[in-house]
Amino acid sequence: MSESDKDDQSTDNKTVMIDRVRLTHSEAAGLEDALAVVMDMQRECLEAMTYIEGRSRALADILRKLREGPNAYDPDRAAGNRITIPRRL
């Protein structure tokens, strides 16, 4: 095995060091913007999940009532409070 093969093999098992450790202003700004987008997506997902949970509970209540019998469901019953999510788009 040649010396260069040994060097290649040893680098495969080690962490490769980066020459440049500082970010440019442009890179830092880009990463900050990317993080802001991810955090906004997380917040939107949480709000959407809250809405889905609320509507799922209302759906489960309606279906539970329907299973009680053919005349158990009150047709004048309200479907429940809706959770509104204000959109900021």
PDB file of N, CA and C in Angstrom:
ATOM      1  N   MET A   1       0.866  -1.175   0.000  1.00  0.00           N
ATOM      2  CA  MET A   1       0.000   0.000   0.000  1.00  0.00           C
ATOM      3  C   MET A   1       0.908   1.231   0.000  1.00  0.00           C
ATOM      4  N   SER A   2       0.628   2.140  -0.911  1.00  0.00           N
ATOM      5  CA  SER A   2       1.479   3.325  -1.025  1.00  0.00           C
ATOM      6  C   SER A   2       1.143   4.338   0.065  1.00  0.00           C
ATOM      7  N   GLU A   3       2.013   5.326   0.211  1.00  0.00           N
ATOM      8  CA  GLU A   3       1.837   6.363   1.236  1.00  0.00           C
ATOM      9  C   GLU A   3       0.569   7.186   0.986  1.00  0.00           C
ATOM     10  N   SER A   4       0.278   7.478  -0.289  1.00  0.00           N
ATOM     11  CA  SER A   4      -0.916   8.280  -0.601  1.00  0.00           C
ATOM     12  C   SER A   4      -2.195   7.505  -0.299  1.00  0.00           C
ATOM     13  N   ASP A   5      -2.169   6.177  -0.497  1.00  0.00           N
ATOM     14  CA  ASP A   5      -3.339   5.366  -0.168  1.00  0.00           C
ATOM     15  C   ASP A   5      -3.605   5.383   1.336  1.00  0.00           C
ATOM     16  N   LYS A   6      -2.537   5.343   2.128  1.00  0.00           N
ATOM     17  CA  LYS A   6      -2.688   5.395   3.590  1.00  0.00           C
ATOM     18  C   LYS A   6      -3.263   6.740   4.023  1.00  0.00           C
ATOM     19  N   ASP A   7      -2.797   7.822   3.375  1.00  0.00           N
ATOM     20  CA  ASP A   7      -3.324   9.152   3.706  1.00  0.00           C
ATOM     21  C   ASP A   7      -4.800   9.257   3.349  1.00  0.00           C
ATOM     22  N   ASP A   8      -5.190   8.738   2.179  1.00  0.00           N
ATOM     23  CA  ASP A   8      -6.595   8.774   1.759  1.00  0.00           C
ATOM     24  C   ASP A   8      -7.470   7.973   2.712  1.00  0.00           C
ATOM     25  N   GLN A   9      -6.973   6.830   3.129  1.00  0.00           N
ATOM     26  CA  GLN A   9      -7.730   5.971   4.017  1.00  0.00           C
ATOM     27  C   GLN A   9      -7.877   6.605   5.407  1.00  0.00           C
ATOM     28  N   SER A  10      -6.850   7.251   5.894  1.00  0.00           N
ATOM     29  CA  SER A  10      -6.930   7.862   7.217  1.00  0.00           C
ATOM     30  C   SER A  10      -7.845   9.082   7.210  1.00  0.00           C
ATOM     31  N   THR A  11      -7.906   9.809   6.082  1.00  0.00           N
ATOM     32  CA  THR A  11      -8.795  10.977   6.023  1.00  0.00           C
ATOM     33  C   THR A  11     -10.251  10.549   5.968  1.00  0.00           C
ATOM     34  N   ASP A  12     -10.550   9.365   5.462  1.00  0.00           N
ATOM     35  CA  ASP A  12     -11.929   8.893   5.390  1.00  0.00           C
ATOM     36  C   ASP A  12     -12.523   8.707   6.780  1.00  0.00           C
ATOM     37  N   ASN A  13     -11.695   8.354   7.733  1.00  0.00           N
ATOM     38  CA  ASN A  13     -12.189   8.065   9.078  1.00  0.00           C
ATOM     39  C   ASN A  13     -12.145   9.271  10.008  1.00  0.00           C
ATOM     40  N   LYS A  14     -11.617  10.383   9.551  1.00  0.00           N
ATOM     41  CA  LYS A  14     -11.497  11.564  10.397  1.00  0.00           C
ATOM     42  C   LYS A  14     -12.415  12.673   9.903  1.00  0.00           C
ATOM     43  N   THR A  15     -12.693  13.619  10.762  1.00  0.00           N
ATOM     44  CA  THR A  15     -13.476  14.782  10.380  1.00  0.00           C
ATOM     45  C   THR A  15     -12.616  15.686   9.504  1.00  0.00           C
ATOM     46  N   VAL A  16     -13.173  16.114   8.413  1.00  0.00           N
ATOM     47  CA  VAL A  16     -12.442  16.984   7.498  1.00  0.00           C
ATOM     48  C   VAL A  16     -12.529  18.410   8.025  1.00  0.00           C
ATOM     49  N   MET A  17     -11.402  19.049   8.162  1.00  0.00           N
ATOM     50  CA  MET A  17     -11.361  20.424   8.653  1.00  0.00           C
ATOM     51  C   MET A  17     -11.611  21.395   7.499  1.00  0.00           C
ATOM     52  N   ILE A  18     -12.309  22.468   7.772  1.00  0.00           N
ATOM     53  CA  ILE A  18     -12.564  23.482   6.761  1.00  0.00           C
ATOM     54  C   ILE A  18     -11.487  24.551   6.889  1.00  0.00           C
ATOM     55  N   ASP A  19     -11.034  25.042   5.758  1.00  0.00           N
ATOM     56  CA  ASP A  19     -10.006  26.077   5.776  1.00  0.00           C
ATOM     57  C   ASP A  19     -10.560  27.386   6.321  1.00  0.00           C
ATOM     58  N   ARG A  20     -11.781  27.738   5.906  1.00  0.00           N
ATOM     59  CA  ARG A  20     -12.372  29.015   6.280  1.00  0.00           C
ATOM     60  C   ARG A  20     -13.384  28.769   7.381  1.00  0.00           C
ATOM     61  N   VAL A  21     -13.211  29.403   8.541  1.00  0.00           N
ATOM     62  CA  VAL A  21     -14.115  29.172   9.661  1.00  0.00           C
ATOM     63  C   VAL A  21     -15.090  30.325   9.869  1.00  0.00           C
ATOM     64  N   ARG A  22     -14.869  31.465   9.226  1.00  0.00           N
ATOM     65  CA  ARG A  22     -15.759  32.613   9.389  1.00  0.00           C
ATOM     66  C   ARG A  22     -16.670  32.729   8.183  1.00  0.00           C
ATOM     67  N   LEU A  23     -17.886  33.172   8.460  1.00  0.00           N
ATOM     68  CA  LEU A  23     -18.849  33.379   7.382  1.00  0.00           C
ATOM     69  C   LEU A  23     -18.745  34.812   6.862  1.00  0.00           C
ATOM     70  N   THR A  24     -19.049  34.971   5.597  1.00  0.00           N
ATOM     71  CA  THR A  24     -19.134  36.329   5.061  1.00  0.00           C
ATOM     72  C   THR A  24     -20.445  36.939   5.550  1.00  0.00           C
ATOM     73  N   HIS A  25     -20.584  38.249   5.417  1.00  0.00           N
ATOM     74  CA  HIS A  25     -21.835  38.914   5.823  1.00  0.00           C
ATOM     75  C   HIS A  25     -23.009  38.373   5.011  1.00  0.00           C
ATOM     76  N   SER A  26     -22.756  38.114   3.747  1.00  0.00           N
ATOM     77  CA  SER A  26     -23.802  37.588   2.883  1.00  0.00           C
ATOM     78  C   SER A  26     -24.245  36.196   3.341  1.00  0.00           C
ATOM     79  N   GLU A  27     -23.298  35.338   3.685  1.00  0.00           N
ATOM     80  CA  GLU A  27     -23.639  33.999   4.165  1.00  0.00           C
ATOM     81  C   GLU A  27     -24.393  34.060   5.483  1.00  0.00           C
ATOM     82  N   ALA A  28     -23.951  34.910   6.394  1.00  0.00           N
ATOM     83  CA  ALA A  28     -24.623  35.044   7.693  1.00  0.00           C
ATOM     84  C   ALA A  28     -26.052  35.545   7.510  1.00  0.00           C
ATOM     85  N   ALA A  29     -26.223  36.526   6.632  1.00  0.00           N
ATOM     86  CA  ALA A  29     -27.566  37.061   6.375  1.00  0.00           C
ATOM     87  C   ALA A  29     -28.457  35.996   5.751  1.00  0.00           C
ATOM     88  N   GLY A  30     -27.897  35.228   4.828  1.00  0.00           N
ATOM     89  CA  GLY A  30     -28.671  34.154   4.201  1.00  0.00           C
ATOM     90  C   GLY A  30     -29.098  33.101   5.195  1.00  0.00           C
ATOM     91  N   LEU A  31     -28.191  32.720   6.091  1.00  0.00           N
ATOM     92  CA  LEU A  31     -28.536  31.731   7.111  1.00  0.00           C
ATOM     93  C   LEU A  31     -29.574  32.271   8.088  1.00  0.00           C
ATOM     94  N   GLU A  32     -29.467  33.540   8.462  1.00  0.00           N
ATOM     95  CA  GLU A  32     -30.468  34.147   9.349  1.00  0.00           C
ATOM     96  C   GLU A  32     -31.837  34.152   8.684  1.00  0.00           C
ATOM     97  N   ASP A  33     -31.890  34.491   7.403  1.00  0.00           N
ATOM     98  CA  ASP A  33     -33.162  34.489   6.684  1.00  0.00           C
ATOM     99  C   ASP A  33     -33.733  33.073   6.588  1.00  0.00           C
ATOM    100  N   ALA A  34     -32.867  32.098   6.331  1.00  0.00           N
ATOM    101  CA  ALA A  34     -33.323  30.714   6.249  1.00  0.00           C
ATOM    102  C   ALA A  34     -33.895  30.250   7.589  1.00  0.00           C
ATOM    103  N   LEU A  35     -33.224  30.610   8.692  1.00  0.00           N
ATOM    104  CA  LEU A  35     -33.735  30.254  10.015  1.00  0.00           C
ATOM    105  C   LEU A  35     -35.067  30.935  10.304  1.00  0.00           C
ATOM    106  N   ALA A  36     -35.209  32.175   9.870  1.00  0.00           N
ATOM    107  CA  ALA A  36     -36.477  32.884  10.073  1.00  0.00           C
ATOM    108  C   ALA A  36     -37.610  32.187   9.321  1.00  0.00           C
ATOM    109  N   VAL A  37     -37.328  31.714   8.122  1.00  0.00           N
ATOM    110  CA  VAL A  37     -38.345  31.001   7.346  1.00  0.00           C
ATOM    111  C   VAL A  37     -38.724  29.699   8.045  1.00  0.00           C
ATOM    112  N   VAL A  38     -37.741  28.963   8.536  1.00  0.00           N
ATOM    113  CA  VAL A  38     -38.016  27.702   9.237  1.00  0.00           C
ATOM    114  C   VAL A  38     -38.855  27.945  10.480  1.00  0.00           C
ATOM    115  N   MET A  39     -38.513  28.974  11.253  1.00  0.00           N
ATOM    116  CA  MET A  39     -39.276  29.271  12.468  1.00  0.00           C
ATOM    117  C   MET A  39     -40.699  29.701  12.130  1.00  0.00           C
ATOM    118  N   ASP A  40     -40.883  30.446  11.050  1.00  0.00           N
ATOM    119  CA  ASP A  40     -42.221  30.836  10.619  1.00  0.00           C
ATOM    120  C   ASP A  40     -43.018  29.606  10.193  1.00  0.00           C
ATOM    121  N   MET A  41     -42.370  28.684   9.492  1.00  0.00           N
ATOM    122  CA  MET A  41     -43.049  27.459   9.076  1.00  0.00           C
ATOM    123  C   MET A  41     -43.478  26.637  10.284  1.00  0.00           C
ATOM    124  N   GLN A  42     -42.625  26.562  11.301  1.00  0.00           N
ATOM    125  CA  GLN A  42     -42.972  25.823  12.511  1.00  0.00           C
ATOM    126  C   GLN A  42     -44.189  26.438  13.192  1.00  0.00           C
ATOM    127  N   ARG A  43     -44.204  27.767  13.292  1.00  0.00           N
ATOM    128  CA  ARG A  43     -45.333  28.447  13.937  1.00  0.00           C
ATOM    129  C   ARG A  43     -46.624  28.192  13.155  1.00  0.00           C
ATOM    130  N   GLU A  44     -46.538  28.283  11.836  1.00  0.00           N
ATOM    131  CA  GLU A  44     -47.716  28.037  11.003  1.00  0.00           C
ATOM    132  C   GLU A  44     -48.211  26.604  11.168  1.00  0.00           C
ATOM    133  N   CYS A  45     -47.284  25.655  11.252  1.00  0.00           N
ATOM    134  CA  CYS A  45     -47.663  24.252  11.428  1.00  0.00           C
ATOM    135  C   CYS A  45     -48.352  24.041  12.774  1.00  0.00           C
ATOM    136  N   LEU A  46     -47.824  24.662  13.819  1.00  0.00           N
ATOM    137  CA  LEU A  46     -48.442  24.530  15.139  1.00  0.00           C
ATOM    138  C   LEU A  46     -49.852  25.100  15.145  1.00  0.00           C
ATOM    139  N   GLU A  47     -50.031  26.252  14.498  1.00  0.00           N
ATOM    140  CA  GLU A  47     -51.367  26.851  14.436  1.00  0.00           C
ATOM    141  C   GLU A  47     -52.308  25.975  13.624  1.00  0.00           C
ATOM    142  N   ALA A  48     -51.814  25.400  12.537  1.00  0.00           N
ATOM    143  CA  ALA A  48     -52.650  24.521  11.719  1.00  0.00           C
ATOM    144  C   ALA A  48     -53.017  23.260  12.501  1.00  0.00           C
ATOM    145  N   MET A  49     -52.077  22.726  13.265  1.00  0.00           N
ATOM    146  CA  MET A  49     -52.368  21.539  14.066  1.00  0.00           C
ATOM    147  C   MET A  49     -53.404  21.843  15.157  1.00  0.00           C
ATOM    148  N   THR A  50     -53.349  23.033  15.725  1.00  0.00           N
ATOM    149  CA  THR A  50     -54.347  23.440  16.713  1.00  0.00           C
ATOM    150  C   THR A  50     -55.735  23.467  16.070  1.00  0.00           C
ATOM    151  N   TYR A  51     -55.810  24.015  14.872  1.00  0.00           N
ATOM    152  CA  TYR A  51     -57.076  24.052  14.139  1.00  0.00           C
ATOM    153  C   TYR A  51     -57.577  22.640  13.856  1.00  0.00           C
ATOM    154  N   ILE A  52     -56.684  21.781  13.382  1.00  0.00           N
ATOM    155  CA  ILE A  52     -57.071  20.410  13.041  1.00  0.00           C
ATOM    156  C   ILE A  52     -57.534  19.660  14.284  1.00  0.00           C
ATOM    157  N   GLU A  53     -56.856  19.847  15.410  1.00  0.00           N
ATOM    158  CA  GLU A  53     -57.273  19.187  16.649  1.00  0.00           C
ATOM    159  C   GLU A  53     -58.678  19.621  17.063  1.00  0.00           C
ATOM    160  N   GLY A  54     -58.942  20.920  16.979  1.00  0.00           N
ATOM    161  CA  GLY A  54     -60.263  21.429  17.356  1.00  0.00           C
ATOM    162  C   GLY A  54     -61.360  20.896  16.461  1.00  0.00           C
ATOM    163  N   ARG A  55     -61.122  20.901  15.169  1.00  0.00           N
ATOM    164  CA  ARG A  55     -62.133  20.409  14.228  1.00  0.00           C
ATOM    165  C   ARG A  55     -62.287  18.899  14.341  1.00  0.00           C
ATOM    166  N   SER A  56     -61.189  18.181  14.659  1.00  0.00           N
ATOM    167  CA  SER A  56     -61.273  16.725  14.823  1.00  0.00           C
ATOM    168  C   SER A  56     -62.140  16.371  16.031  1.00  0.00           C
ATOM    169  N   ARG A  57     -62.009  17.171  17.098  1.00  0.00           N
ATOM    170  CA  ARG A  57     -62.858  16.936  18.277  1.00  0.00           C
ATOM    171  C   ARG A  57     -64.331  17.146  17.924  1.00  0.00           C
ATOM    172  N   ALA A  58     -64.613  18.205  17.167  1.00  0.00           N
ATOM    173  CA  ALA A  58     -66.002  18.460  16.763  1.00  0.00           C
ATOM    174  C   ALA A  58     -66.509  17.314  15.883  1.00  0.00           C
ATOM    175  N   LEU A  59     -65.683  16.841  14.979  1.00  0.00           N
ATOM    176  CA  LEU A  59     -66.071  15.725  14.109  1.00  0.00           C
ATOM    177  C   LEU A  59     -66.327  14.461  14.926  1.00  0.00           C
ATOM    178  N   ALA A  60     -65.451  14.190  15.892  1.00  0.00           N
ATOM    179  CA  ALA A  60     -65.626  13.000  16.732  1.00  0.00           C
ATOM    180  C   ALA A  60     -66.923  13.078  17.529  1.00  0.00           C
ATOM    181  N   ASP A  61     -67.258  14.261  18.039  1.00  0.00           N
ATOM    182  CA  ASP A  61     -68.513  14.424  18.785  1.00  0.00           C
ATOM    183  C   ASP A  61     -69.721  14.164  17.891  1.00  0.00           C
ATOM    184  N   ILE A  62     -69.686  14.683  16.674  1.00  0.00           N
ATOM    185  CA  ILE A  62     -70.803  14.475  15.739  1.00  0.00           C
ATOM    186  C   ILE A  62     -70.942  12.994  15.406  1.00  0.00           C
ATOM    187  N   LEU A  63     -69.829  12.345  15.076  1.00  0.00           N
ATOM    188  CA  LEU A  63     -69.887  10.928  14.717  1.00  0.00           C
ATOM    189  C   LEU A  63     -70.300  10.059  15.902  1.00  0.00           C
ATOM    190  N   ARG A  64     -69.852  10.426  17.116  1.00  0.00           N
ATOM    191  CA  ARG A  64     -70.246   9.685  18.315  1.00  0.00           C
ATOM    192  C   ARG A  64     -71.762   9.764  18.507  1.00  0.00           C
ATOM    193  N   LYS A  65     -72.309  10.945  18.292  1.00  0.00           N
ATOM    194  CA  LYS A  65     -73.757  11.135  18.433  1.00  0.00           C
ATOM    195  C   LYS A  65     -74.511  10.338  17.372  1.00  0.00           C
ATOM    196  N   LEU A  66     -73.988  10.316  16.151  1.00  0.00           N
ATOM    197  CA  LEU A  66     -74.643   9.564  15.079  1.00  0.00           C
ATOM    198  C   LEU A  66     -74.678   8.065  15.381  1.00  0.00           C
ATOM    199  N   ARG A  67     -73.655   7.563  16.056  1.00  0.00           N
ATOM    200  CA  ARG A  67     -73.598   6.139  16.360  1.00  0.00           C
ATOM    201  C   ARG A  67     -74.587   5.729  17.443  1.00  0.00           C
ATOM    202  N   GLU A  68     -75.125   6.712  18.178  1.00  0.00           N
ATOM    203  CA  GLU A  68     -76.077   6.391  19.241  1.00  0.00           C
ATOM    204  C   GLU A  68     -77.407   5.888  18.694  1.00  0.00           C
ATOM    205  N   GLY A  69     -77.748   6.253  17.515  1.00  0.00           N
ATOM    206  CA  GLY A  69     -79.006   5.792  16.934  1.00  0.00           C
ATOM    207  C   GLY A  69     -79.431   6.666  15.781  1.00  0.00           C
ATOM    208  N   PRO A  70     -80.459   6.221  15.029  1.00  0.00           N
ATOM    209  CA  PRO A  70     -80.861   6.951  13.823  1.00  0.00           C
ATOM    210  C   PRO A  70     -81.441   8.339  14.091  1.00  0.00           C
ATOM    211  N   ASN A  71     -82.029   8.568  15.266  1.00  0.00           N
ATOM    212  CA  ASN A  71     -82.631   9.864  15.560  1.00  0.00           C
ATOM    213  C   ASN A  71     -81.907  10.608  16.682  1.00  0.00           C
ATOM    214  N   ALA A  72     -80.714  10.177  17.043  1.00  0.00           N
ATOM    215  CA  ALA A  72     -79.998  10.773  18.179  1.00  0.00           C
ATOM    216  C   ALA A  72     -79.412  12.143  17.843  1.00  0.00           C
ATOM    217  N   TYR A  73     -79.078  12.359  16.590  1.00  0.00           N
ATOM    218  CA  TYR A  73     -78.422  13.623  16.224  1.00  0.00           C
ATOM    219  C   TYR A  73     -79.456  14.714  16.023  1.00  0.00           C
ATOM    220  N   ASP A  74     -79.268  15.832  16.692  1.00  0.00           N
ATOM    221  CA  ASP A  74     -80.160  16.988  16.552  1.00  0.00           C
ATOM    222  C   ASP A  74     -79.750  17.762  15.297  1.00  0.00           C
ATOM    223  N   PRO A  75     -80.615  17.836  14.289  1.00  0.00           N
ATOM    224  CA  PRO A  75     -80.238  18.533  13.052  1.00  0.00           C
ATOM    225  C   PRO A  75     -80.028  20.034  13.246  1.00  0.00           C
ATOM    226  N   ASP A  76     -80.554  20.599  14.315  1.00  0.00           N
ATOM    227  CA  ASP A  76     -80.383  22.032  14.569  1.00  0.00           C
ATOM    228  C   ASP A  76     -79.158  22.320  15.441  1.00  0.00           C
ATOM    229  N   ARG A  77     -78.432  21.276  15.819  1.00  0.00           N
ATOM    230  CA  ARG A  77     -77.240  21.438  16.657  1.00  0.00           C
ATOM    231  C   ARG A  77     -76.137  22.144  15.870  1.00  0.00           C
ATOM    232  N   ALA A  78     -75.467  23.065  16.506  1.00  0.00           N
ATOM    233  CA  ALA A  78     -74.355  23.763  15.846  1.00  0.00           C
ATOM    234  C   ALA A  78     -73.156  22.822  15.729  1.00  0.00           C
ATOM    235  N   ALA A  79     -72.344  23.050  14.715  1.00  0.00           N
ATOM    236  CA  ALA A  79     -71.176  22.185  14.490  1.00  0.00           C
ATOM    237  C   ALA A  79     -70.053  22.479  15.466  1.00  0.00           C
ATOM    238  N   GLY A  80     -70.178  23.505  16.283  1.00  0.00           N
ATOM    239  CA  GLY A  80     -69.146  23.820  17.273  1.00  0.00           C
ATOM    240  C   GLY A  80     -68.396  25.084  16.905  1.00  0.00           C
ATOM    241  N   ASN A  81     -67.618  25.539  17.849  1.00  0.00           N
ATOM    242  CA  ASN A  81     -66.828  26.744  17.618  1.00  0.00           C
ATOM    243  C   ASN A  81     -65.701  26.455  16.643  1.00  0.00           C
ATOM    244  N   ARG A  82     -65.512  27.356  15.746  1.00  0.00           N
ATOM    245  CA  ARG A  82     -64.417  27.210  14.803  1.00  0.00           C
ATOM    246  C   ARG A  82     -63.206  27.960  15.324  1.00  0.00           C
ATOM    247  N   ILE A  83     -62.065  27.364  15.150  1.00  0.00           N
ATOM    248  CA  ILE A  83     -60.811  28.017  15.500  1.00  0.00           C
ATOM    249  C   ILE A  83     -60.316  28.704  14.242  1.00  0.00           C
ATOM    250  N   THR A  84     -60.215  30.004  14.299  1.00  0.00           N
ATOM    251  CA  THR A  84     -59.762  30.724  13.106  1.00  0.00           C
ATOM    252  C   THR A  84     -58.281  31.028  13.218  1.00  0.00           C
ATOM    253  N   ILE A  85     -57.597  30.881  12.118  1.00  0.00           N
ATOM    254  CA  ILE A  85     -56.169  31.165  12.059  1.00  0.00           C
ATOM    255  C   ILE A  85     -55.985  32.355  11.133  1.00  0.00           C
ATOM    256  N   PRO A  86     -55.559  33.484  11.662  1.00  0.00           N
ATOM    257  CA  PRO A  86     -55.327  34.632  10.782  1.00  0.00           C
ATOM    258  C   PRO A  86     -54.125  34.370   9.885  1.00  0.00           C
ATOM    259  N   ARG A  87     -54.306  34.556   8.616  1.00  0.00           N
ATOM    260  CA  ARG A  87     -53.209  34.345   7.661  1.00  0.00           C
ATOM    261  C   ARG A  87     -52.448  35.625   7.461  1.00  0.00           C
ATOM    262  N   ARG A  88     -51.143  35.531   7.438  1.00  0.00           N
ATOM    263  CA  ARG A  88     -50.280  36.691   7.276  1.00  0.00           C
ATOM    264  C   ARG A  88     -49.594  36.691   5.916  1.00  0.00           C
ATOM    265  N   LEU A  89     -50.187  36.084   4.937  1.00  0.00           N
ATOM    266  CA  LEU A  89     -49.539  35.983   3.631  1.00  0.00           C
ATOM    267  C   LEU A  89     -49.772  37.203   2.779  1.00  0.00           C
TER     268      LEU A  89
END
